[in-house]
PDB file of N, CA and C in Angstrom:
ATOM      1  N   MET A   1      87.341  69.130 108.719  1.00  0.00           N
ATOM      2  CA  MET A   1      87.986  70.389 108.434  1.00  0.00           C
ATOM      3  C   MET A   1      87.913  70.631 106.934  1.00  0.00           C
ATOM      4  N   ARG A   2      87.534  71.823 106.564  1.00  0.00           N
ATOM      5  CA  ARG A   2      87.502  72.209 105.155  1.00  0.00           C
ATOM      6  C   ARG A   2      88.626  73.185 104.889  1.00  0.00           C
ATOM      7  N   PHE A   3      89.203  73.085 103.709  1.00  0.00           N
ATOM      8  CA  PHE A   3      90.299  73.960 103.329  1.00  0.00           C
ATOM      9  C   PHE A   3      89.847  74.912 102.234  1.00  0.00           C
ATOM     10  N   ASP A   4      90.385  76.102 102.264  1.00  0.00           N
ATOM     11  CA  ASP A   4      90.142  77.100 101.240  1.00  0.00           C
ATOM     12  C   ASP A   4      91.047  76.779 100.057  1.00  0.00           C
ATOM     13  N   VAL A   5      90.467  76.490  98.902  1.00  0.00           N
ATOM     14  CA  VAL A   5      91.280  76.109  97.745  1.00  0.00           C
ATOM     15  C   VAL A   5      92.142  77.261  97.245  1.00  0.00           C
ATOM     16  N   GLY A   6      91.838  78.490  97.635  1.00  0.00           N
ATOM     17  CA  GLY A   6      92.643  79.629  97.225  1.00  0.00           C
ATOM     18  C   GLY A   6      93.738  79.981  98.210  1.00  0.00           C
ATOM     19  N   ALA A   7      93.837  79.241  99.302  1.00  0.00           N
ATOM     20  CA  ALA A   7      94.827  79.537 100.338  1.00  0.00           C
ATOM     21  C   ALA A   7      96.236  79.168  99.880  1.00  0.00           C
ATOM     22  N   THR A   8      97.202  79.912 100.365  1.00  0.00           N
ATOM     23  CA  THR A   8      98.598  79.584 100.080  1.00  0.00           C
ATOM     24  C   THR A   8      99.011  78.367 100.896  1.00  0.00           C
ATOM     25  N   ARG A   9     100.141  77.790 100.546  1.00  0.00           N
ATOM     26  CA  ARG A   9     100.672  76.663 101.318  1.00  0.00           C
ATOM     27  C   ARG A   9     100.927  77.091 102.757  1.00  0.00           C
ATOM     28  N   GLU A  10     101.466  78.291 102.937  1.00  0.00           N
ATOM     29  CA  GLU A  10     101.780  78.783 104.281  1.00  0.00           C
ATOM     30  C   GLU A  10     100.511  78.968 105.115  1.00  0.00           C
ATOM     31  N   ALA A  11      99.447  79.480 104.492  1.00  0.00           N
ATOM     32  CA  ALA A  11      98.178  79.649 105.206  1.00  0.00           C
ATOM     33  C   ALA A  11      97.593  78.294 105.589  1.00  0.00           C
ATOM     34  N   THR A  12      97.727  77.321 104.705  1.00  0.00           N
ATOM     35  CA  THR A  12      97.257  75.971 105.001  1.00  0.00           C
ATOM     36  C   THR A  12      98.048  75.375 106.152  1.00  0.00           C
ATOM     37  N   LEU A  13      99.364  75.576 106.150  1.00  0.00           N
ATOM     38  CA  LEU A  13     100.205  75.066 107.233  1.00  0.00           C
ATOM     39  C   LEU A  13      99.826  75.712 108.560  1.00  0.00           C
ATOM     40  N   GLU A  14      99.599  77.004 108.575  1.00  0.00           N
ATOM     41  CA  GLU A  14      99.206  77.678 109.812  1.00  0.00           C
ATOM     42  C   GLU A  14      97.873  77.151 110.328  1.00  0.00           C
ATOM     43  N   ARG A  15      96.956  76.898 109.427  1.00  0.00           N
ATOM     44  CA  ARG A  15      95.657  76.340 109.831  1.00  0.00           C
ATOM     45  C   ARG A  15      95.833  74.959 110.436  1.00  0.00           C
ATOM     46  N   LEU A  16      96.668  74.138 109.816  1.00  0.00           N
ATOM     47  CA  LEU A  16      96.935  72.807 110.362  1.00  0.00           C
ATOM     48  C   LEU A  16      97.595  72.894 111.735  1.00  0.00           C
ATOM     49  N   ARG A  17      98.516  73.829 111.902  1.00  0.00           N
ATOM     50  CA  ARG A  17      99.173  73.995 113.206  1.00  0.00           C
ATOM     51  C   ARG A  17      98.162  74.378 114.290  1.00  0.00           C
ATOM     52  N   ARG A  18      97.270  75.316 113.962  1.00  0.00           N
ATOM     53  CA  ARG A  18      96.248  75.719 114.937  1.00  0.00           C
ATOM     54  C   ARG A  18      95.351  74.548 115.316  1.00  0.00           C
ATOM     55  N   GLU A  19      94.909  73.808 114.306  1.00  0.00           N
ATOM     56  CA  GLU A  19      94.043  72.659 114.567  1.00  0.00           C
ATOM     57  C   GLU A  19      94.775  71.594 115.392  1.00  0.00           C
ATOM     58  N   ALA A  20      96.038  71.348 115.079  1.00  0.00           N
ATOM     59  CA  ALA A  20      96.820  70.362 115.828  1.00  0.00           C
ATOM     60  C   ALA A  20      97.022  70.817 117.270  1.00  0.00           C
ATOM     61  N   GLN A  21      97.264  72.101 117.466  1.00  0.00           N
ATOM     62  CA  GLN A  21      97.459  72.603 118.824  1.00  0.00           C
ATOM     63  C   GLN A  21      96.183  72.436 119.642  1.00  0.00           C
ATOM     64  N   GLU A  22      95.042  72.715 119.037  1.00  0.00           N
ATOM     65  CA  GLU A  22      93.772  72.537 119.742  1.00  0.00           C
ATOM     66  C   GLU A  22      93.518  71.076 120.074  1.00  0.00           C
ATOM     67  N   ALA A  23      93.873  70.193 119.150  1.00  0.00           N
ATOM     68  CA  ALA A  23      93.602  68.772 119.339  1.00  0.00           C
ATOM     69  C   ALA A  23      94.626  68.069 120.228  1.00  0.00           C
ATOM     70  N   PHE A  24      95.901  68.472 120.137  1.00  0.00           N
ATOM     71  CA  PHE A  24      96.957  67.709 120.798  1.00  0.00           C
ATOM     72  C   PHE A  24      97.793  68.475 121.808  1.00  0.00           C
ATOM     73  N   SER A  25      97.689  69.771 121.889  1.00  0.00           N
ATOM     74  CA  SER A  25      98.432  70.666 122.785  1.00  0.00           C
ATOM     75  C   SER A  25      99.694  71.213 122.114  1.00  0.00           C
ATOM     76  N   ALA A  26     100.109  72.365 122.565  1.00  0.00           N
ATOM     77  CA  ALA A  26     101.279  73.044 122.006  1.00  0.00           C
ATOM     78  C   ALA A  26     102.561  72.243 122.234  1.00  0.00           C
ATOM     79  N   GLU A  27     102.618  71.491 123.307  1.00  0.00           N
ATOM     80  CA  GLU A  27     103.823  70.717 123.621  1.00  0.00           C
ATOM     81  C   GLU A  27     104.099  69.633 122.586  1.00  0.00           C
ATOM     82  N   ARG A  28     103.076  69.151 121.935  1.00  0.00           N
ATOM     83  CA  ARG A  28     103.265  68.069 120.957  1.00  0.00           C
ATOM     84  C   ARG A  28     103.507  68.574 119.542  1.00  0.00           C
ATOM     85  N   LEU A  29     103.353  69.873 119.303  1.00  0.00           N
ATOM     86  CA  LEU A  29     103.530  70.411 117.954  1.00  0.00           C
ATOM     87  C   LEU A  29     104.894  70.118 117.345  1.00  0.00           C
ATOM     88  N   PRO A  30     106.002  70.261 118.085  1.00  0.00           N
ATOM     89  CA  PRO A  30     107.300  69.962 117.467  1.00  0.00           C
ATOM     90  C   PRO A  30     107.393  68.530 116.920  1.00  0.00           C
ATOM     91  N   ALA A  31     106.780  67.577 117.595  1.00  0.00           N
ATOM     92  CA  ALA A  31     106.808  66.190 117.137  1.00  0.00           C
ATOM     93  C   ALA A  31     105.944  65.982 115.893  1.00  0.00           C
ATOM     94  N   LEU A  32     104.981  66.857 115.685  1.00  0.00           N
ATOM     95  CA  LEU A  32     104.079  66.741 114.547  1.00  0.00           C
ATOM     96  C   LEU A  32     104.499  67.586 113.355  1.00  0.00           C
ATOM     97  N   GLU A  33     105.493  68.440 113.523  1.00  0.00           N
ATOM     98  CA  GLU A  33     105.850  69.423 112.501  1.00  0.00           C
ATOM     99  C   GLU A  33     106.139  68.809 111.135  1.00  0.00           C
ATOM    100  N   MET A  34     106.885  67.730 111.095  1.00  0.00           N
ATOM    101  CA  MET A  34     107.209  67.096 109.815  1.00  0.00           C
ATOM    102  C   MET A  34     105.928  66.665 109.092  1.00  0.00           C
ATOM    103  N   TRP A  35     104.982  66.106 109.824  1.00  0.00           N
ATOM    104  CA  TRP A  35     103.734  65.638 109.233  1.00  0.00           C
ATOM    105  C   TRP A  35     102.841  66.816 108.826  1.00  0.00           C
ATOM    106  N   LEU A  36     102.851  67.869 109.610  1.00  0.00           N
ATOM    107  CA  LEU A  36     102.060  69.047 109.271  1.00  0.00           C
ATOM    108  C   LEU A  36     102.584  69.696 107.988  1.00  0.00           C
ATOM    109  N   GLU A  37     103.900  69.787 107.861  1.00  0.00           N
ATOM    110  CA  GLU A  37     104.519  70.353 106.658  1.00  0.00           C
ATOM    111  C   GLU A  37     104.147  69.529 105.420  1.00  0.00           C
ATOM    112  N   ALA A  38     104.273  68.220 105.528  1.00  0.00           N
ATOM    113  CA  ALA A  38     103.966  67.344 104.389  1.00  0.00           C
ATOM    114  C   ALA A  38     102.484  67.426 104.030  1.00  0.00           C
ATOM    115  N   THR A  39     101.629  67.417 105.022  1.00  0.00           N
ATOM    116  CA  THR A  39     100.192  67.486 104.771  1.00  0.00           C
ATOM    117  C   THR A  39      99.819  68.808 104.117  1.00  0.00           C
ATOM    118  N   ALA A  40     100.374  69.914 104.597  1.00  0.00           N
ATOM    119  CA  ALA A  40     100.092  71.225 104.008  1.00  0.00           C
ATOM    120  C   ALA A  40     100.512  71.251 102.544  1.00  0.00           C
ATOM    121  N   THR A  41     101.657  70.681 102.242  1.00  0.00           N
ATOM    122  CA  THR A  41     102.137  70.647 100.860  1.00  0.00           C
ATOM    123  C   THR A  41     101.197  69.832  99.984  1.00  0.00           C
ATOM    124  N   HIS A  42     100.773  68.670 100.453  1.00  0.00           N
ATOM    125  CA  HIS A  42      99.892  67.810  99.661  1.00  0.00           C
ATOM    126  C   HIS A  42      98.519  68.447  99.456  1.00  0.00           C
ATOM    127  N   VAL A  43      97.969  69.031 100.506  1.00  0.00           N
ATOM    128  CA  VAL A  43      96.667  69.689 100.379  1.00  0.00           C
ATOM    129  C   VAL A  43      96.764  70.846  99.400  1.00  0.00           C
ATOM    130  N   TRP A  44      97.819  71.639  99.495  1.00  0.00           N
ATOM    131  CA  TRP A  44      98.002  72.773  98.594  1.00  0.00           C
ATOM    132  C   TRP A  44      98.138  72.310  97.143  1.00  0.00           C
ATOM    133  N   ARG A  45      98.926  71.242  96.926  1.00  0.00           N
ATOM    134  CA  ARG A  45      99.104  70.727  95.562  1.00  0.00           C
ATOM    135  C   ARG A  45      97.792  70.210  94.981  1.00  0.00           C
ATOM    136  N   LEU A  46      97.004  69.535  95.797  1.00  0.00           N
ATOM    137  CA  LEU A  46      95.706  69.064  95.323  1.00  0.00           C
ATOM    138  C   LEU A  46      94.795  70.225  94.965  1.00  0.00           C
ATOM    139  N   ALA A  47      94.850  71.283  95.755  1.00  0.00           N
ATOM    140  CA  ALA A  47      94.020  72.456  95.474  1.00  0.00           C
ATOM    141  C   ALA A  47      94.435  73.128  94.170  1.00  0.00           C
ATOM    142  N   GLN A  48      95.689  73.001  93.774  1.00  0.00           N
ATOM    143  CA  GLN A  48      96.181  73.615  92.539  1.00  0.00           C
ATOM    144  C   GLN A  48      95.874  72.782  91.305  1.00  0.00           C
ATOM    145  N   ALA A  49      95.603  71.507  91.489  1.00  0.00           N
ATOM    146  CA  ALA A  49      95.385  70.600  90.364  1.00  0.00           C
ATOM    147  C   ALA A  49      94.042  70.869  89.697  1.00  0.00           C
ATOM    148  N   GLU A  50      94.023  70.724  88.393  1.00  0.00           N
ATOM    149  CA  GLU A  50      92.776  70.826  87.650  1.00  0.00           C
ATOM    150  C   GLU A  50      92.190  69.429  87.542  1.00  0.00           C
ATOM    151  N   LEU A  51      91.215  69.163  88.370  1.00  0.00           N
ATOM    152  CA  LEU A  51      90.594  67.848  88.395  1.00  0.00           C
ATOM    153  C   LEU A  51      89.220  67.932  87.743  1.00  0.00           C
ATOM    154  N   ASP A  52      88.993  67.097  86.777  1.00  0.00           N
ATOM    155  CA  ASP A  52      87.703  67.040  86.123  1.00  0.00           C
ATOM    156  C   ASP A  52      87.063  65.719  86.508  1.00  0.00           C
ATOM    157  N   ALA A  53      86.154  65.771  87.442  1.00  0.00           N
ATOM    158  CA  ALA A  53      85.553  64.556  87.989  1.00  0.00           C
ATOM    159  C   ALA A  53      84.836  63.721  86.930  1.00  0.00           C
ATOM    160  N   LEU A  54      84.362  64.335  85.882  1.00  0.00           N
ATOM    161  CA  LEU A  54      83.634  63.570  84.874  1.00  0.00           C
ATOM    162  C   LEU A  54      84.550  62.783  83.950  1.00  0.00           C
ATOM    163  N   HIS A  55      85.805  63.194  83.837  1.00  0.00           N
ATOM    164  CA  HIS A  55      86.703  62.520  82.906  1.00  0.00           C
ATOM    165  C   HIS A  55      87.814  61.727  83.579  1.00  0.00           C
ATOM    166  N   ASP A  56      88.105  62.001  84.843  1.00  0.00           N
ATOM    167  CA  ASP A  56      89.234  61.361  85.498  1.00  0.00           C
ATOM    168  C   ASP A  56      88.854  60.166  86.368  1.00  0.00           C
ATOM    169  N   LEU A  57      87.575  59.897  86.513  1.00  0.00           N
ATOM    170  CA  LEU A  57      87.164  58.771  87.339  1.00  0.00           C
ATOM    171  C   LEU A  57      87.257  57.468  86.554  1.00  0.00           C
ATOM    172  N   PRO A  58      87.757  56.429  87.181  1.00  0.00           N
ATOM    173  CA  PRO A  58      87.811  55.143  86.483  1.00  0.00           C
ATOM    174  C   PRO A  58      86.408  54.551  86.366  1.00  0.00           C
ATOM    175  N   ASP A  59      86.222  53.719  85.406  1.00  0.00           N
ATOM    176  CA  ASP A  59      84.960  53.001  85.259  1.00  0.00           C
ATOM    177  C   ASP A  59      85.004  51.827  86.228  1.00  0.00           C
ATOM    178  N   THR A  60      84.433  52.001  87.404  1.00  0.00           N
ATOM    179  CA  THR A  60      84.566  50.981  88.447  1.00  0.00           C
ATOM    180  C   THR A  60      83.867  49.678  88.086  1.00  0.00           C
ATOM    181  N   LEU A  61      82.796  49.736  87.318  1.00  0.00           N
ATOM    182  CA  LEU A  61      82.130  48.501  86.930  1.00  0.00           C
ATOM    183  C   LEU A  61      82.989  47.700  85.958  1.00  0.00           C
ATOM    184  N   ALA A  62      83.602  48.356  84.991  1.00  0.00           N
ATOM    185  CA  ALA A  62      84.427  47.670  84.019  1.00  0.00           C
ATOM    186  C   ALA A  62      85.721  47.146  84.639  1.00  0.00           C
ATOM    187  N   SER A  63      86.192  47.826  85.705  1.00  0.00           N
ATOM    188  CA  SER A  63      87.454  47.419  86.300  1.00  0.00           C
ATOM    189  C   SER A  63      87.278  46.415  87.431  1.00  0.00           C
ATOM    190  N   GLY A  64      86.044  45.961  87.641  1.00  0.00           N
ATOM    191  CA  GLY A  64      85.793  44.970  88.690  1.00  0.00           C
ATOM    192  C   GLY A  64      85.618  45.580  90.057  1.00  0.00           C
ATOM    193  N   GLY A  65      85.405  46.880  90.125  1.00  0.00           N
ATOM    194  CA  GLY A  65      85.220  47.587  91.402  1.00  0.00           C
ATOM    195  C   GLY A  65      83.843  47.322  91.985  1.00  0.00           C
ATOM    196  N   PRO A  66      83.464  48.119  92.978  1.00  0.00           N
ATOM    197  CA  PRO A  66      82.173  47.940  93.670  1.00  0.00           C
ATOM    198  C   PRO A  66      80.996  47.942  92.691  1.00  0.00           C
ATOM    199  N   ARG A  67      80.043  47.165  92.974  1.00  0.00           N
ATOM    200  CA  ARG A  67      78.883  47.030  92.078  1.00  0.00           C
ATOM    201  C   ARG A  67      77.601  47.506  92.749  1.00  0.00           C
ATOM    202  N   GLY A  68      77.663  48.636  93.446  1.00  0.00           N
ATOM    203  CA  GLY A  68      76.497  49.306  94.033  1.00  0.00           C
ATOM    204  C   GLY A  68      75.380  48.468  94.306  1.00  0.00           C
TER     205      GLY A  68
END
């Protein structure tokens, strides 16, 4: 699933609800609501963040990370 970075939190939540209903049925939505709300908030916050991939990535070789 891809998200529109310009979407509001509410639009993101509605999209998650639709996807959850298709995947799990309408009867299970109330049990998933807390998780859908939290996920929508996190996705929206990430979309608002100014991330610069060239400057914010750790140096994985220097930090002992994967060595390709």
